[in-house]
Protein backbone atom coordinates (compact mmCIF):
# COMPACT_ATOMS: atom_id res chain seq x y z
CA UNK A 1 5.15 37.08 25.34
CA UNK A 2 3.17 33.91 24.84
CA UNK A 3 4.75 31.34 22.59
CA UNK A 4 1.55 29.62 21.47
CA UNK A 5 1.03 29.67 17.71
CA UNK A 6 -1.69 31.89 16.34
CA UNK A 7 -3.90 30.88 13.43
CA UNK A 8 -2.94 32.38 10.08
CA UNK A 9 -6.56 32.75 8.97
CA UNK A 10 -9.47 34.15 10.88
CA UNK A 11 -12.36 31.73 11.18
CA UNK A 12 -15.75 33.21 10.52
CA UNK A 13 -18.56 31.25 12.15
CA UNK A 14 -22.04 32.04 13.30
CA UNK A 15 -22.84 31.56 16.94
CA UNK A 16 -26.32 30.25 17.69
CA UNK A 17 -28.08 29.29 20.88
CA UNK A 18 -29.82 26.32 19.21
CA UNK A 19 -27.89 23.09 19.03
CA UNK A 20 -29.30 21.34 16.00
CA UNK A 21 -27.91 17.94 15.10
CA UNK A 22 -26.77 16.99 11.65
CA UNK A 23 -29.32 14.23 11.26
CA UNK A 24 -32.26 16.35 12.39
CA UNK A 25 -31.64 18.85 9.61
CA UNK A 26 -31.68 16.12 6.92
CA UNK A 27 -34.62 14.63 5.11
CA UNK A 28 -35.62 11.07 5.92
CA UNK A 29 -34.16 9.65 2.68
CA UNK A 30 -30.85 11.38 3.28
CA UNK A 31 -30.82 10.13 6.88
CA UNK A 32 -31.36 6.55 5.70
CA UNK A 33 -28.56 6.74 3.13
CA UNK A 34 -26.29 8.38 5.73
CA UNK A 35 -27.07 5.60 8.21
CA UNK A 36 -26.33 2.91 5.59
CA UNK A 37 -22.98 4.46 4.73
CA UNK A 38 -22.12 4.87 8.41
CA UNK A 39 -22.97 1.22 9.08
CA UNK A 40 -20.80 0.08 6.16
CA UNK A 41 -17.89 2.12 7.43
CA UNK A 42 -18.23 0.76 10.95
CA UNK A 43 -18.38 -2.82 9.61
CA UNK A 44 -15.21 -2.19 7.59
CA UNK A 45 -13.49 -0.86 10.68
CA UNK A 46 -14.47 -3.95 12.64
CA UNK A 47 -13.13 -6.22 9.88
CA UNK A 48 -9.87 -4.28 9.76
CA UNK A 49 -9.47 -4.62 13.53
CA UNK A 50 -10.09 -8.38 13.29
CA UNK A 51 -7.45 -8.71 10.56
CA UNK A 52 -4.98 -6.71 12.62
CA UNK A 53 -5.55 -8.92 15.65
CA UNK A 54 -5.08 -12.07 13.54
CA UNK A 55 -1.83 -10.67 12.12
CA UNK A 56 -0.62 -9.76 15.61
CA UNK A 57 -1.37 -13.26 16.86
CA UNK A 58 0.55 -14.85 13.98
CA UNK A 59 3.48 -12.49 14.53
CA UNK A 60 3.50 -13.35 18.23
CA UNK A 61 3.53 -17.08 17.40
CA UNK A 62 6.47 -16.56 15.05
CA UNK A 63 8.33 -14.60 17.73
CA UNK A 64 7.74 -17.38 20.24
CA UNK A 65 9.12 -19.94 17.77
CA UNK A 66 12.23 -17.87 17.07
CA UNK A 67 12.74 -17.20 20.77
CA UNK A 68 12.77 -20.91 21.57
CA UNK A 69 15.30 -21.53 18.82
CA UNK A 70 17.55 -18.83 20.25
CA UNK A 71 17.31 -20.38 23.69
CA UNK A 72 18.42 -23.78 22.44
CA UNK A 73 21.42 -22.21 20.74
CA UNK A 74 22.53 -20.52 23.95
CA UNK A 75 22.20 -23.79 25.87
CA UNK A 76 24.78 -25.46 23.63
CA UNK A 77 27.49 -22.88 24.36
CA UNK A 78 31.09 -23.84 25.06
CA UNK A 79 30.67 -23.24 28.79
CA UNK A 80 27.71 -25.62 28.94
CA UNK A 81 29.70 -28.29 27.09
CA UNK A 82 32.68 -27.73 29.36
CA UNK A 83 30.63 -28.05 32.53
CA UNK A 84 28.84 -31.19 31.34
CA UNK A 85 31.89 -33.14 30.19
CA UNK A 86 33.79 -35.32 32.59
CA UNK A 87 37.20 -34.34 33.94
CA UNK A 88 38.85 -37.39 32.35
CA UNK A 89 37.57 -36.36 28.87
CA UNK A 90 38.98 -32.86 29.33
CA UNK A 91 42.38 -34.15 30.46
CA UNK A 92 42.50 -36.63 27.55
CA UNK A 93 41.81 -33.85 25.01
CA UNK A 94 44.41 -31.56 26.56
CA UNK A 95 46.99 -34.36 26.66
CA UNK A 96 46.34 -35.32 23.02
CA UNK A 97 46.73 -31.68 21.90
CA UNK A 98 49.97 -31.36 23.87
CA UNK A 99 51.34 -34.52 22.30
CA UNK A 100 50.45 -33.28 18.81
CA UNK A 101 52.16 -29.95 19.41
CA UNK A 102 55.34 -31.65 20.68
CA UNK A 103 55.68 -33.98 17.69
């Protein structure tokens, strides 16, 4: 058996050989008002896309700023500090801690 879903309602439609467009069946006044509404909708869509792109750019800039802050925090890790300090400073700190623990 086929597992594809079957429609619950039967669709009744007329089949014609003529392909008549929506606009050709309208009067000229209706076509003009339809065209005006369609142009307004397309302009709104364009504005929405522009706003989305502006928001995406600002979000990307914020992500770049936060990413650079995270990188600077990882650079100042304990391993970085340990590798950049001199051997004499490390031995002095260890010796002072040992002396404090003895006394």
